[in-house]
Amino acid sequence: MTTATTVLDTKLDRAFSMLDANGTGSLVEADLLALADKLGAAFNAMENGSAARLRQALADLWKSDLAGMDADGDGEIDVDEFRAGVRRAVAEDREGFLDRVGDMVEAWMSVADADGDGLIDVVEFTTMYTRTLGASPDALAASFARLDTDGDGTLDSDEIRRATEEFYTSEDPDAPGNQLFGPLNEA
């Protein structure tokens, strides 16, 4: 029996593929740290502390949540373990999990905040995901517009937090947060 893929499954698969820095189909802590280094290098942020903050947030997320998702004990997390683990983390400690993921996303965004104004504009958003995920600039601009719920041309920490919650919890196919890591149809 085949189970239909839900909107949340699609988003979790997207997050998994983004975190799987080496593309092996499994996650280990080194994947997360490599992703932080890649983003830091893309924004020349290796010296300003933001890349180190992202590495720490990813390491903390690994220790607090991801490592425990390894249901078969093989030292790696596959996509099914990730899906089940995120759903379990949200069910058991929604606020704590969202806070920890939100810290990681805010650290991620701080690396991309090239002008240091505490906001992400469309150029920073587009640069971030074209350099790390290879997504198309036009698709990213459309994603940014959906995330910019107040229409001011930037993403602030409240918009990012709200999008993070929608991304990791919502089954609503029209939720703006579905676009947090760019369009779901481009992986």
C-alpha atoms as a PDB file:
ATOM      1  CA  MET A   1       0.000   0.000   0.000  1.00  0.00           C
ATOM      2  CA  THR A   2       1.398   3.392  -1.034  1.00  0.00           C
ATOM      3  CA  THR A   3       0.786   6.343   1.249  1.00  0.00           C
ATOM      4  CA  ALA A   4       0.106   9.716  -0.344  1.00  0.00           C
ATOM      5  CA  THR A   5       2.775  12.360   0.214  1.00  0.00           C
ATOM      6  CA  THR A   6       1.428  15.270   2.224  1.00  0.00           C
ATOM      7  CA  VAL A   7       2.405  18.945   1.975  1.00  0.00           C
ATOM      8  CA  LEU A   8       4.380  18.561   5.197  1.00  0.00           C
ATOM      9  CA  ASP A   9       6.184  15.493   3.804  1.00  0.00           C
ATOM     10  CA  THR A  10       7.190  17.526   0.753  1.00  0.00           C
ATOM     11  CA  LYS A  11       8.561  20.307   2.943  1.00  0.00           C
ATOM     12  CA  LEU A  12      10.413  17.894   5.214  1.00  0.00           C
ATOM     13  CA  ASP A  13      11.905  16.208   2.157  1.00  0.00           C
ATOM     14  CA  ARG A  14      13.031  19.648   0.974  1.00  0.00           C
ATOM     15  CA  ALA A  15      14.651  20.411   4.337  1.00  0.00           C
ATOM     16  CA  PHE A  16      16.304  16.984   4.361  1.00  0.00           C
ATOM     17  CA  SER A  17      17.782  17.426   0.887  1.00  0.00           C
ATOM     18  CA  MET A  18      19.047  20.869   1.866  1.00  0.00           C
ATOM     19  CA  LEU A  19      20.694  19.529   5.037  1.00  0.00           C
ATOM     20  CA  ASP A  20      22.185  16.531   3.198  1.00  0.00           C
ATOM     21  CA  ALA A  21      25.140  18.623   2.033  1.00  0.00           C
ATOM     22  CA  ASN A  22      26.972  15.774   0.302  1.00  0.00           C
ATOM     23  CA  GLY A  23      23.856  14.282  -1.313  1.00  0.00           C
ATOM     24  CA  THR A  24      24.290  10.746   0.064  1.00  0.00           C
ATOM     25  CA  GLY A  25      20.672  10.353   1.140  1.00  0.00           C
ATOM     26  CA  SER A  26      21.552  10.321   4.813  1.00  0.00           C
ATOM     27  CA  LEU A  27      22.379  12.969   7.386  1.00  0.00           C
ATOM     28  CA  VAL A  28      25.336  13.054   9.720  1.00  0.00           C
ATOM     29  CA  GLU A  29      26.505  16.018  11.768  1.00  0.00           C
ATOM     30  CA  ALA A  30      29.283  16.754   9.267  1.00  0.00           C
ATOM     31  CA  ASP A  31      26.636  17.463   6.597  1.00  0.00           C
ATOM     32  CA  LEU A  32      25.210  20.267   8.682  1.00  0.00           C
ATOM     33  CA  LEU A  33      28.595  21.785   9.430  1.00  0.00           C
ATOM     34  CA  ALA A  34      29.589  21.623   5.753  1.00  0.00           C
ATOM     35  CA  LEU A  35      26.419  23.491   4.844  1.00  0.00           C
ATOM     36  CA  ALA A  36      27.296  26.268   7.303  1.00  0.00           C
ATOM     37  CA  ASP A  37      30.759  26.529   5.760  1.00  0.00           C
ATOM     38  CA  LYS A  38      29.320  26.638   2.236  1.00  0.00           C
ATOM     39  CA  LEU A  39      26.921  29.442   3.098  1.00  0.00           C
ATOM     40  CA  GLY A  40      29.619  31.311   5.030  1.00  0.00           C
ATOM     41  CA  ALA A  41      31.944  31.125   2.047  1.00  0.00           C
ATOM     42  CA  ALA A  42      29.179  32.264  -0.341  1.00  0.00           C
ATOM     43  CA  PHE A  43      28.765  35.455   1.696  1.00  0.00           C
ATOM     44  CA  ASN A  44      32.397  35.912   2.728  1.00  0.00           C
ATOM     45  CA  ALA A  45      31.141  35.531   6.300  1.00  0.00           C
ATOM     46  CA  MET A  46      33.792  33.206   7.657  1.00  0.00           C
ATOM     47  CA  GLU A  47      35.540  35.948   9.656  1.00  0.00           C
ATOM     48  CA  ASN A  48      32.619  37.995  10.991  1.00  0.00           C
ATOM     49  CA  GLY A  49      31.273  35.348  13.376  1.00  0.00           C
ATOM     50  CA  SER A  50      27.952  34.727  11.643  1.00  0.00           C
ATOM     51  CA  ALA A  51      29.160  31.510   9.992  1.00  0.00           C
ATOM     52  CA  ALA A  52      30.468  30.293  13.364  1.00  0.00           C
ATOM     53  CA  ARG A  53      27.074  31.137  14.912  1.00  0.00           C
ATOM     54  CA  LEU A  54      25.367  29.074  12.198  1.00  0.00           C
ATOM     55  CA  ARG A  55      27.779  26.153  12.742  1.00  0.00           C
ATOM     56  CA  GLN A  56      26.990  26.256  16.469  1.00  0.00           C
ATOM     57  CA  ALA A  57      23.211  26.450  15.884  1.00  0.00           C
ATOM     58  CA  LEU A  58      23.403  23.469  13.531  1.00  0.00           C
ATOM     59  CA  ALA A  59      25.590  21.504  15.952  1.00  0.00           C
ATOM     60  CA  ASP A  60      23.133  22.282  18.765  1.00  0.00           C
ATOM     61  CA  LEU A  61      20.188  21.197  16.607  1.00  0.00           C
ATOM     62  CA  TRP A  62      22.024  17.969  15.778  1.00  0.00           C
ATOM     63  CA  LYS A  63      22.665  17.187  19.447  1.00  0.00           C
ATOM     64  CA  SER A  64      19.248  18.227  20.760  1.00  0.00           C
ATOM     65  CA  ASP A  65      17.011  16.816  18.045  1.00  0.00           C
ATOM     66  CA  LEU A  66      18.489  15.256  14.941  1.00  0.00           C
ATOM     67  CA  ALA A  67      20.864  12.678  16.454  1.00  0.00           C
ATOM     68  CA  GLY A  68      17.925  11.114  18.304  1.00  0.00           C
ATOM     69  CA  MET A  69      16.058  10.613  15.021  1.00  0.00           C
ATOM     70  CA  ASP A  70      18.422   7.752  14.097  1.00  0.00           C
ATOM     71  CA  ALA A  71      15.836   5.035  14.748  1.00  0.00           C
ATOM     72  CA  ASP A  72      17.930   2.122  13.443  1.00  0.00           C
ATOM     73  CA  GLY A  73      21.116   3.162  15.242  1.00  0.00           C
ATOM     74  CA  ASP A  74      23.327   3.185  12.137  1.00  0.00           C
ATOM     75  CA  GLY A  75      24.761   6.631  12.910  1.00  0.00           C
ATOM     76  CA  GLU A  76      22.900   8.273  10.031  1.00  0.00           C
ATOM     77  CA  ILE A  77      19.427   9.697   9.513  1.00  0.00           C
ATOM     78  CA  ASP A  78      17.565   8.782   6.340  1.00  0.00           C
ATOM     79  CA  VAL A  79      14.626  10.746   4.970  1.00  0.00           C
ATOM     80  CA  ASP A  80      12.013   8.492   6.590  1.00  0.00           C
ATOM     81  CA  GLU A  81      13.701   8.822   9.996  1.00  0.00           C
ATOM     82  CA  PHE A  82      13.875  12.597   9.475  1.00  0.00           C
ATOM     83  CA  ARG A  83      10.178  12.874   8.600  1.00  0.00           C
ATOM     84  CA  ALA A  84       9.130  10.743  11.568  1.00  0.00           C
ATOM     85  CA  GLY A  85      11.589  12.474  13.885  1.00  0.00           C
ATOM     86  CA  VAL A  86      10.428  15.989  13.041  1.00  0.00           C
ATOM     87  CA  ARG A  87       6.794  14.997  13.438  1.00  0.00           C
ATOM     88  CA  ARG A  88       7.599  13.392  16.807  1.00  0.00           C
ATOM     89  CA  ALA A  89       9.630  16.430  17.965  1.00  0.00           C
ATOM     90  CA  VAL A  90       6.759  18.762  17.081  1.00  0.00           C
ATOM     91  CA  ALA A  91       4.215  16.511  18.825  1.00  0.00           C
ATOM     92  CA  GLU A  92       6.309  16.111  21.993  1.00  0.00           C
ATOM     93  CA  ASP A  93       7.884  19.581  22.331  1.00  0.00           C
ATOM     94  CA  ARG A  94       6.469  21.890  19.669  1.00  0.00           C
ATOM     95  CA  GLU A  95       7.657  25.182  21.188  1.00  0.00           C
ATOM     96  CA  GLY A  96      11.109  23.866  22.101  1.00  0.00           C
ATOM     97  CA  PHE A  97      11.655  22.295  18.693  1.00  0.00           C
ATOM     98  CA  LEU A  98      10.457  25.401  16.878  1.00  0.00           C
ATOM     99  CA  ASP A  99      12.696  27.581  19.045  1.00  0.00           C
ATOM    100  CA  ARG A 100      15.737  25.442  18.239  1.00  0.00           C
ATOM    101  CA  VAL A 101      14.950  25.303  14.516  1.00  0.00           C
ATOM    102  CA  GLY A 102      14.153  29.014  14.591  1.00  0.00           C
ATOM    103  CA  ASP A 103      17.556  29.717  16.133  1.00  0.00           C
ATOM    104  CA  MET A 104      19.166  27.775  13.294  1.00  0.00           C
ATOM    105  CA  VAL A 105      17.123  29.617  10.655  1.00  0.00           C
ATOM    106  CA  GLU A 106      17.904  33.008  12.212  1.00  0.00           C
ATOM    107  CA  ALA A 107      21.618  32.120  12.271  1.00  0.00           C
ATOM    108  CA  TRP A 108      21.300  31.027   8.631  1.00  0.00           C
ATOM    109  CA  MET A 109      19.667  34.328   7.746  1.00  0.00           C
ATOM    110  CA  SER A 110      22.285  36.329   9.686  1.00  0.00           C
ATOM    111  CA  VAL A 111      24.971  34.891   7.416  1.00  0.00           C
ATOM    112  CA  ALA A 112      22.972  36.084   4.409  1.00  0.00           C
ATOM    113  CA  ASP A 113      22.323  39.541   5.918  1.00  0.00           C
ATOM    114  CA  ALA A 114      25.141  41.070   3.873  1.00  0.00           C
ATOM    115  CA  ASP A 115      24.388  44.669   4.844  1.00  0.00           C
ATOM    116  CA  GLY A 116      23.972  43.858   8.552  1.00  0.00           C
ATOM    117  CA  ASP A 117      20.630  45.619   8.954  1.00  0.00           C
ATOM    118  CA  GLY A 118      18.961  42.653  10.663  1.00  0.00           C
ATOM    119  CA  LEU A 119      16.643  42.133   7.710  1.00  0.00           C
ATOM    120  CA  ILE A 120      16.772  39.940   4.624  1.00  0.00           C
ATOM    121  CA  ASP A 121      15.994  41.652   1.341  1.00  0.00           C
ATOM    122  CA  VAL A 122      15.190  39.933  -1.932  1.00  0.00           C
ATOM    123  CA  VAL A 123      18.784  40.178  -3.197  1.00  0.00           C
ATOM    124  CA  GLU A 124      20.157  38.537  -0.050  1.00  0.00           C
ATOM    125  CA  PHE A 125      17.432  35.859  -0.114  1.00  0.00           C
ATOM    126  CA  THR A 126      18.045  35.098  -3.777  1.00  0.00           C
ATOM    127  CA  THR A 127      21.817  35.043  -3.399  1.00  0.00           C
ATOM    128  CA  MET A 128      21.547  32.729  -0.399  1.00  0.00           C
ATOM    129  CA  TYR A 129      19.608  30.030  -2.211  1.00  0.00           C
ATOM    130  CA  THR A 130      21.115  30.294  -5.666  1.00  0.00           C
ATOM    131  CA  ARG A 131      24.566  29.754  -4.100  1.00  0.00           C
ATOM    132  CA  THR A 132      23.575  26.980  -1.697  1.00  0.00           C
ATOM    133  CA  LEU A 133      20.646  25.220  -3.353  1.00  0.00           C
ATOM    134  CA  GLY A 134      20.954  26.171  -6.996  1.00  0.00           C
ATOM    135  CA  ALA A 135      17.362  27.442  -7.135  1.00  0.00           C
ATOM    136  CA  SER A 136      16.379  29.827  -9.914  1.00  0.00           C
ATOM    137  CA  PRO A 137      16.413  33.567  -9.092  1.00  0.00           C
ATOM    138  CA  ASP A 138      12.938  34.113 -10.566  1.00  0.00           C
ATOM    139  CA  ALA A 139      11.395  31.329  -8.478  1.00  0.00           C
ATOM    140  CA  LEU A 140      13.164  32.662  -5.381  1.00  0.00           C
ATOM    141  CA  ALA A 141      11.819  36.167  -5.981  1.00  0.00           C
ATOM    142  CA  ALA A 142       8.301  34.715  -6.025  1.00  0.00           C
ATOM    143  CA  SER A 143       9.014  32.788  -2.799  1.00  0.00           C
ATOM    144  CA  PHE A 144      10.340  35.944  -1.160  1.00  0.00           C
ATOM    145  CA  ALA A 145       7.188  37.850  -2.084  1.00  0.00           C
ATOM    146  CA  ARG A 146       5.062  35.163  -0.373  1.00  0.00           C
ATOM    147  CA  LEU A 147       7.212  35.261   2.775  1.00  0.00           C
ATOM    148  CA  ASP A 148       7.165  39.080   2.952  1.00  0.00           C
ATOM    149  CA  THR A 149       3.737  39.089   4.577  1.00  0.00           C
ATOM    150  CA  ASP A 150       3.792  42.789   5.476  1.00  0.00           C
ATOM    151  CA  GLY A 151       4.925  43.780   1.969  1.00  0.00           C
ATOM    152  CA  ASP A 152       7.783  46.025   3.111  1.00  0.00           C
ATOM    153  CA  GLY A 153      10.395  44.425   0.855  1.00  0.00           C
ATOM    154  CA  THR A 154      12.268  42.689   3.682  1.00  0.00           C
ATOM    155  CA  LEU A 155      11.960  39.688   5.966  1.00  0.00           C
ATOM    156  CA  ASP A 156      12.220  40.522   9.653  1.00  0.00           C
ATOM    157  CA  SER A 157      12.657  38.067  12.520  1.00  0.00           C
ATOM    158  CA  ASP A 158       8.886  37.781  13.106  1.00  0.00           C
ATOM    159  CA  GLU A 159       8.242  36.863   9.472  1.00  0.00           C
ATOM    160  CA  ILE A 160      11.087  34.344   9.565  1.00  0.00           C
ATOM    161  CA  ARG A 161       9.817  32.771  12.813  1.00  0.00           C
ATOM    162  CA  ARG A 162       6.262  32.534  11.482  1.00  0.00           C
ATOM    163  CA  ALA A 163       7.514  31.021   8.231  1.00  0.00           C
ATOM    164  CA  THR A 164       9.637  28.531  10.174  1.00  0.00           C
ATOM    165  CA  GLU A 165       6.627  27.371  12.165  1.00  0.00           C
ATOM    166  CA  GLU A 166       4.503  27.022   9.032  1.00  0.00           C
ATOM    167  CA  PHE A 167       7.271  25.190   7.196  1.00  0.00           C
ATOM    168  CA  TYR A 168       7.780  22.551   9.880  1.00  0.00           C
ATOM    169  CA  THR A 169       4.175  22.094  11.038  1.00  0.00           C
ATOM    170  CA  SER A 170       1.556  23.174   8.506  1.00  0.00           C
ATOM    171  CA  GLU A 171      -0.299  20.980   6.039  1.00  0.00           C
ATOM    172  CA  ASP A 172      -1.852  24.095   4.435  1.00  0.00           C
ATOM    173  CA  PRO A 173      -0.717  24.073   0.795  1.00  0.00           C
ATOM    174  CA  ASP A 174      -1.101  27.867   0.646  1.00  0.00           C
ATOM    175  CA  ALA A 175       0.850  28.798   3.801  1.00  0.00           C
ATOM    176  CA  PRO A 176       3.460  31.476   2.989  1.00  0.00           C
ATOM    177  CA  GLY A 177       5.996  29.631   5.160  1.00  0.00           C
ATOM    178  CA  ASN A 178       6.035  26.770   2.662  1.00  0.00           C
ATOM    179  CA  GLN A 179       8.432  28.998   0.701  1.00  0.00           C
ATOM    180  CA  LEU A 180      10.987  29.381   3.525  1.00  0.00           C
ATOM    181  CA  PHE A 181      13.704  27.549   1.614  1.00  0.00           C
ATOM    182  CA  GLY A 182      12.543  28.577  -1.825  1.00  0.00           C
ATOM    183  CA  PRO A 183       9.917  26.979  -4.021  1.00  0.00           C
ATOM    184  CA  LEU A 184       9.016  23.406  -3.120  1.00  0.00           C
ATOM    185  CA  ASN A 185       8.957  22.328  -6.737  1.00  0.00           C
ATOM    186  CA  GLU A 186      12.685  23.037  -7.094  1.00  0.00           C
ATOM    187  CA  ALA A 187      14.993  20.845  -5.064  1.00  0.00           C
END
